[in-house]
Amino acid sequence: MKPGYKKIERMNATTRIIHWTNVFSMIVAVATGLYIAHPYYQTFIADPAVDKYVMAWNRWGHFIVAIIFDVTSIVIFYLAFSTRFLKVKPYKKDIPTQSNIKQFFEVFLNLVTLNKRKKFDSSYLDSFNSVYFTIFHLLLVWMLLTGLQLYVHGLASGLSSIGEWWPWMLHLITDWTIPVSGWLIGSGPTASIMDVRISHHYTMWWIIAWVVFHIYYQVWRSIFWKEGDINIVIGGGKYVKIKEDDKEA
């Protein structure tokens, strides 16, 4: 460890596993989702059609990683309020208190001024990152709901292998995404399942943009702060300078 620094634990094994599970699930979701929307590679034409099922395998993989996102989202929601796993609760950083608002803009100013202004404690989760991750989870929830609406739209008969209750429940909790998608896309009263499909597709690109900035910002912090922020998702901790008060203690 570099002299004058101390290690701060930020993520335990559970949260790191969830993080990397989501990373690989997202890669699969994007790859299969793009294929479902527009098949971009060709199957082996010489093979019998009965042996291919390329679209079916892509839809299956897409559905499985969506279920993984569902489960991890529930776990993350629990951990956000857990007193056992996290020292700083994310939901507390999302509350627009005076201190949180001040910290949010200080972190933002630190970013846009290229570290020439840093007037906040970077040891633990800050309000800027907390709000940023909250946006990600809201995008993910919308992605899941619109995806389920597209899925249940394929069960036009109202039947499924596990009974009528499953399509009925999915319609109950996702049919409202049709008018909302129409409002977002601009179709108005003529909203249809195609608006849901377009909204689902656009949200994917927003999530990809979110990921690009997230990676960039974590690398940026690691370079400018020299506290090893990029190590948080690998080793679980980062390093911060020891304050004078800590040295005297």
Protein backbone atom coordinates (compact mmCIF):
# COMPACT_ATOMS: atom_id res chain seq x y z
CA MET A 1 0.00 0.00 0.00
CA LYS A 2 1.26 3.49 -0.85
CA PRO A 3 2.45 5.42 2.26
CA GLY A 4 -0.06 8.00 3.51
CA TYR A 5 -3.07 6.07 2.22
CA LYS A 6 -5.57 3.71 3.84
CA LYS A 7 -7.83 1.12 2.22
CA ILE A 8 -11.60 1.65 2.32
CA GLU A 9 -13.89 -1.32 1.67
CA ARG A 10 -16.63 -0.32 -0.76
CA MET A 11 -18.03 -3.55 -2.24
CA ASN A 12 -18.13 -6.99 -0.69
CA ALA A 13 -18.08 -10.27 -2.64
CA THR A 14 -21.89 -10.34 -2.98
CA THR A 15 -22.18 -6.91 -4.60
CA ARG A 16 -19.18 -7.55 -6.86
CA ILE A 17 -20.70 -10.82 -8.09
CA ILE A 18 -23.97 -9.00 -8.83
CA HIS A 19 -22.06 -6.28 -10.70
CA TRP A 20 -20.19 -8.69 -12.98
CA THR A 21 -23.28 -10.88 -13.45
CA ASN A 22 -25.08 -7.79 -14.74
CA VAL A 23 -22.14 -6.88 -16.98
CA PHE A 24 -22.12 -10.23 -18.79
CA SER A 25 -25.93 -10.41 -18.83
CA MET A 26 -26.07 -6.98 -20.46
CA ILE A 27 -23.63 -8.04 -23.17
CA VAL A 28 -25.81 -11.07 -23.96
CA ALA A 29 -28.99 -8.99 -23.80
CA VAL A 30 -27.69 -6.41 -26.26
CA ALA A 31 -26.29 -8.99 -28.69
CA THR A 32 -29.43 -11.14 -28.70
CA GLY A 33 -31.76 -8.12 -28.64
CA LEU A 34 -30.15 -6.65 -31.75
CA TYR A 35 -30.49 -10.02 -33.49
CA ILE A 36 -34.16 -10.32 -32.53
CA ALA A 37 -34.84 -6.82 -33.91
CA HIS A 38 -32.83 -7.37 -37.08
CA PRO A 39 -31.07 -10.72 -37.68
CA TYR A 40 -27.55 -9.65 -38.56
CA TYR A 41 -25.82 -12.95 -39.16
CA GLN A 42 -26.75 -15.82 -41.42
CA THR A 43 -27.24 -19.42 -40.40
CA PHE A 44 -25.59 -22.33 -42.15
CA ILE A 45 -27.79 -22.62 -45.21
CA ALA A 46 -26.75 -26.23 -45.83
CA ASP A 47 -28.21 -27.35 -42.50
CA PRO A 48 -31.84 -28.49 -42.36
CA ALA A 49 -34.15 -25.77 -41.04
CA VAL A 50 -35.24 -28.05 -38.21
CA ASP A 51 -31.67 -28.03 -36.83
CA LYS A 52 -31.18 -24.27 -36.78
CA TYR A 53 -33.52 -22.46 -34.36
CA VAL A 54 -31.16 -19.46 -34.38
CA MET A 55 -33.90 -16.96 -33.61
CA ALA A 56 -35.34 -19.29 -30.96
CA TRP A 57 -31.96 -19.61 -29.23
CA ASN A 58 -31.49 -15.84 -29.33
CA ARG A 59 -34.95 -15.26 -27.86
CA TRP A 60 -34.27 -17.88 -25.18
CA GLY A 61 -30.94 -16.28 -24.24
CA HIS A 62 -32.53 -12.84 -24.18
CA PHE A 63 -35.32 -14.06 -21.91
CA ILE A 64 -32.91 -15.83 -19.51
CA VAL A 65 -30.69 -12.78 -18.99
CA ALA A 66 -33.84 -10.68 -18.52
CA ILE A 67 -34.81 -13.01 -15.67
CA ILE A 68 -31.31 -12.60 -14.22
CA PHE A 69 -31.76 -8.81 -14.36
CA ASP A 70 -35.12 -9.21 -12.58
CA VAL A 71 -33.54 -11.20 -9.75
CA THR A 72 -30.48 -8.97 -9.35
CA SER A 73 -32.71 -5.87 -9.38
CA ILE A 74 -34.70 -7.25 -6.45
CA VAL A 75 -31.46 -8.09 -4.60
CA ILE A 76 -30.01 -4.62 -5.30
CA PHE A 77 -33.23 -3.00 -4.06
CA TYR A 78 -32.89 -4.97 -0.83
CA LEU A 79 -29.22 -4.09 -0.46
CA ALA A 80 -30.00 -0.40 -0.92
CA PHE A 81 -31.80 -0.50 2.42
CA SER A 82 -29.62 -3.13 4.08
CA THR A 83 -27.59 -2.18 7.15
CA ARG A 84 -25.38 -5.23 6.75
CA PHE A 85 -23.83 -4.89 3.32
CA LEU A 86 -23.33 -1.17 2.71
CA LYS A 87 -21.86 1.53 4.95
CA VAL A 88 -23.58 4.30 2.98
CA LYS A 89 -27.17 3.59 1.91
CA PRO A 90 -27.76 4.70 -1.72
CA TYR A 91 -31.36 5.78 -1.09
CA LYS A 92 -30.15 8.29 1.51
CA LYS A 93 -27.92 9.89 -1.10
CA ASP A 94 -30.88 10.28 -3.48
CA ILE A 95 -32.88 12.38 -1.02
CA PRO A 96 -32.61 16.06 -2.14
CA THR A 97 -31.29 17.40 1.16
CA GLN A 98 -29.09 20.49 1.26
CA SER A 99 -25.95 18.44 1.88
CA ASN A 100 -26.73 15.97 -0.91
CA ILE A 101 -27.46 18.72 -3.43
CA LYS A 102 -24.24 20.49 -2.48
CA GLN A 103 -22.24 17.26 -2.81
CA PHE A 104 -23.88 16.46 -6.16
CA PHE A 105 -22.76 19.77 -7.68
CA GLU A 106 -19.32 19.59 -6.08
CA VAL A 107 -18.73 16.18 -7.71
CA PHE A 108 -20.07 17.55 -11.01
CA LEU A 109 -17.79 20.58 -10.79
CA ASN A 110 -14.87 18.30 -9.98
CA LEU A 111 -15.59 16.43 -13.22
CA VAL A 112 -16.02 19.42 -15.52
CA THR A 113 -13.03 21.33 -14.06
CA LEU A 114 -10.78 18.26 -14.48
CA ASN A 115 -10.07 17.86 -10.77
CA LYS A 116 -9.07 21.50 -10.21
CA ARG A 117 -11.86 21.74 -7.65
CA LYS A 118 -12.44 18.91 -5.15
CA LYS A 119 -14.35 19.90 -2.06
CA PHE A 120 -15.96 16.66 -0.94
CA ASP A 121 -15.04 13.37 0.70
CA SER A 122 -14.49 10.70 -1.96
CA SER A 123 -14.11 7.81 0.49
CA TYR A 124 -17.66 6.50 0.11
CA LEU A 125 -20.60 6.73 -2.28
CA ASP A 126 -21.41 10.31 -3.30
CA SER A 127 -24.78 11.72 -4.32
CA PHE A 128 -23.74 12.21 -7.97
CA ASN A 129 -22.96 8.52 -8.43
CA SER A 130 -26.01 7.50 -6.42
CA VAL A 131 -28.36 9.53 -8.62
CA TYR A 132 -26.58 8.26 -11.72
CA PHE A 133 -27.09 4.64 -10.67
CA THR A 134 -30.71 5.35 -9.77
CA ILE A 135 -31.25 6.55 -13.35
CA PHE A 136 -29.71 3.29 -14.57
CA HIS A 137 -32.07 1.17 -12.48
CA LEU A 138 -35.10 3.20 -13.65
CA LEU A 139 -34.02 2.61 -17.27
CA LEU A 140 -33.58 -1.07 -16.46
CA VAL A 141 -37.06 -1.32 -14.91
CA TRP A 142 -38.58 0.29 -18.01
CA MET A 143 -36.59 -2.11 -20.18
CA LEU A 144 -37.92 -5.09 -18.22
CA LEU A 145 -41.56 -3.94 -18.32
CA THR A 146 -41.54 -3.16 -22.05
CA GLY A 147 -39.75 -6.46 -22.68
CA LEU A 148 -42.45 -8.36 -20.83
CA GLN A 149 -45.11 -6.54 -22.84
CA LEU A 150 -43.41 -7.63 -26.06
CA TYR A 151 -43.19 -11.16 -24.67
CA VAL A 152 -46.86 -11.41 -23.68
CA HIS A 153 -47.89 -9.93 -27.02
CA GLY A 154 -46.67 -13.21 -28.53
CA LEU A 155 -49.13 -15.12 -26.35
CA ALA A 156 -52.06 -13.89 -28.40
CA SER A 157 -54.20 -16.88 -27.51
CA GLY A 158 -54.10 -15.99 -23.82
CA LEU A 159 -52.57 -19.38 -23.05
CA SER A 160 -49.13 -20.46 -21.91
CA SER A 161 -47.43 -23.69 -20.88
CA ILE A 162 -48.05 -22.82 -17.22
CA GLY A 163 -51.66 -21.72 -17.58
CA GLU A 164 -53.86 -18.72 -18.40
CA TRP A 165 -52.87 -16.84 -15.24
CA TRP A 166 -49.40 -16.03 -16.57
CA PRO A 167 -50.45 -14.05 -19.69
CA TRP A 168 -53.26 -12.44 -17.66
CA MET A 169 -50.82 -11.23 -15.01
CA LEU A 170 -48.35 -9.92 -17.58
CA HIS A 171 -51.09 -7.99 -19.36
CA LEU A 172 -52.21 -6.58 -16.01
CA ILE A 173 -48.79 -5.20 -15.09
CA THR A 174 -47.47 -4.19 -18.53
CA ASP A 175 -50.36 -3.13 -20.81
CA TRP A 176 -49.98 0.46 -19.57
CA THR A 177 -46.58 0.60 -21.28
CA ILE A 178 -48.36 0.84 -24.66
CA PRO A 179 -49.91 4.32 -24.14
CA VAL A 180 -46.81 5.51 -22.25
CA SER A 181 -44.57 4.32 -25.10
CA GLY A 182 -46.90 6.07 -27.56
CA TRP A 183 -46.51 9.27 -25.56
CA LEU A 184 -42.72 8.91 -25.48
CA ILE A 185 -42.46 8.14 -29.20
CA GLY A 186 -45.06 10.72 -30.18
CA SER A 187 -47.80 8.46 -31.54
CA GLY A 188 -50.41 9.79 -29.14
CA PRO A 189 -53.81 8.04 -29.23
CA THR A 190 -52.68 5.68 -32.02
CA ALA A 191 -50.12 3.95 -29.77
CA SER A 192 -49.50 0.29 -30.53
CA ILE A 193 -47.16 -2.55 -29.67
CA MET A 194 -44.72 -1.13 -32.23
CA ASP A 195 -44.28 1.94 -30.00
CA VAL A 196 -43.33 -0.40 -27.16
CA ARG A 197 -40.80 -2.11 -29.41
CA ILE A 198 -39.28 1.23 -30.46
CA SER A 199 -39.21 2.46 -26.85
CA HIS A 200 -37.54 -0.78 -25.77
CA HIS A 201 -34.93 -0.35 -28.52
CA TYR A 202 -34.26 3.32 -27.72
CA THR A 203 -33.88 2.53 -24.02
CA MET A 204 -31.19 0.01 -24.91
CA TRP A 205 -29.15 2.80 -26.50
CA TRP A 206 -29.66 5.03 -23.46
CA ILE A 207 -28.37 2.21 -21.26
CA ILE A 208 -25.37 1.71 -23.54
CA ALA A 209 -24.64 5.46 -23.32
CA TRP A 210 -24.97 5.19 -19.54
CA VAL A 211 -22.44 2.33 -19.46
CA VAL A 212 -19.97 4.22 -21.66
CA PHE A 213 -19.99 7.23 -19.34
CA HIS A 214 -19.87 5.01 -16.26
CA ILE A 215 -16.70 3.27 -17.46
CA TYR A 216 -15.17 6.57 -18.58
CA TYR A 217 -15.92 8.24 -15.24
CA GLN A 218 -14.50 5.42 -13.12
CA VAL A 219 -11.29 5.44 -15.18
CA TRP A 220 -11.25 9.25 -14.93
CA ARG A 221 -11.54 9.12 -11.14
CA SER A 222 -8.79 6.51 -10.94
CA ILE A 223 -6.42 8.68 -12.99
CA PHE A 224 -7.13 12.05 -11.41
CA TRP A 225 -7.74 11.07 -7.79
CA LYS A 226 -5.14 8.30 -7.70
CA GLU A 227 -7.27 6.41 -5.19
CA GLY A 228 -7.75 3.20 -7.17
CA ASP A 229 -11.50 3.61 -7.79
CA ILE A 230 -11.35 1.11 -10.64
CA ASN A 231 -10.35 -1.53 -8.09
CA ILE A 232 -13.70 -1.27 -6.28
CA VAL A 233 -15.43 -3.75 -8.61
CA ILE A 234 -12.41 -6.07 -8.66
CA GLY A 235 -10.91 -6.12 -5.18
CA GLY A 236 -13.74 -4.44 -3.31
CA GLY A 237 -11.84 -1.42 -2.02
CA LYS A 238 -10.13 1.83 -2.86
CA TYR A 239 -7.42 3.94 -1.22
CA VAL A 240 -7.82 7.40 0.29
CA LYS A 241 -5.33 9.77 1.83
CA ILE A 242 -5.03 9.61 5.59
CA LYS A 243 -6.23 12.87 7.11
CA GLU A 244 -4.22 14.71 9.71
CA ASP A 245 -6.87 13.95 12.35
CA ASP A 246 -6.54 10.21 11.58
CA LYS A 247 -2.75 10.39 11.90
CA GLU A 248 -2.95 12.05 15.31
CA ALA A 249 -5.50 9.49 16.48
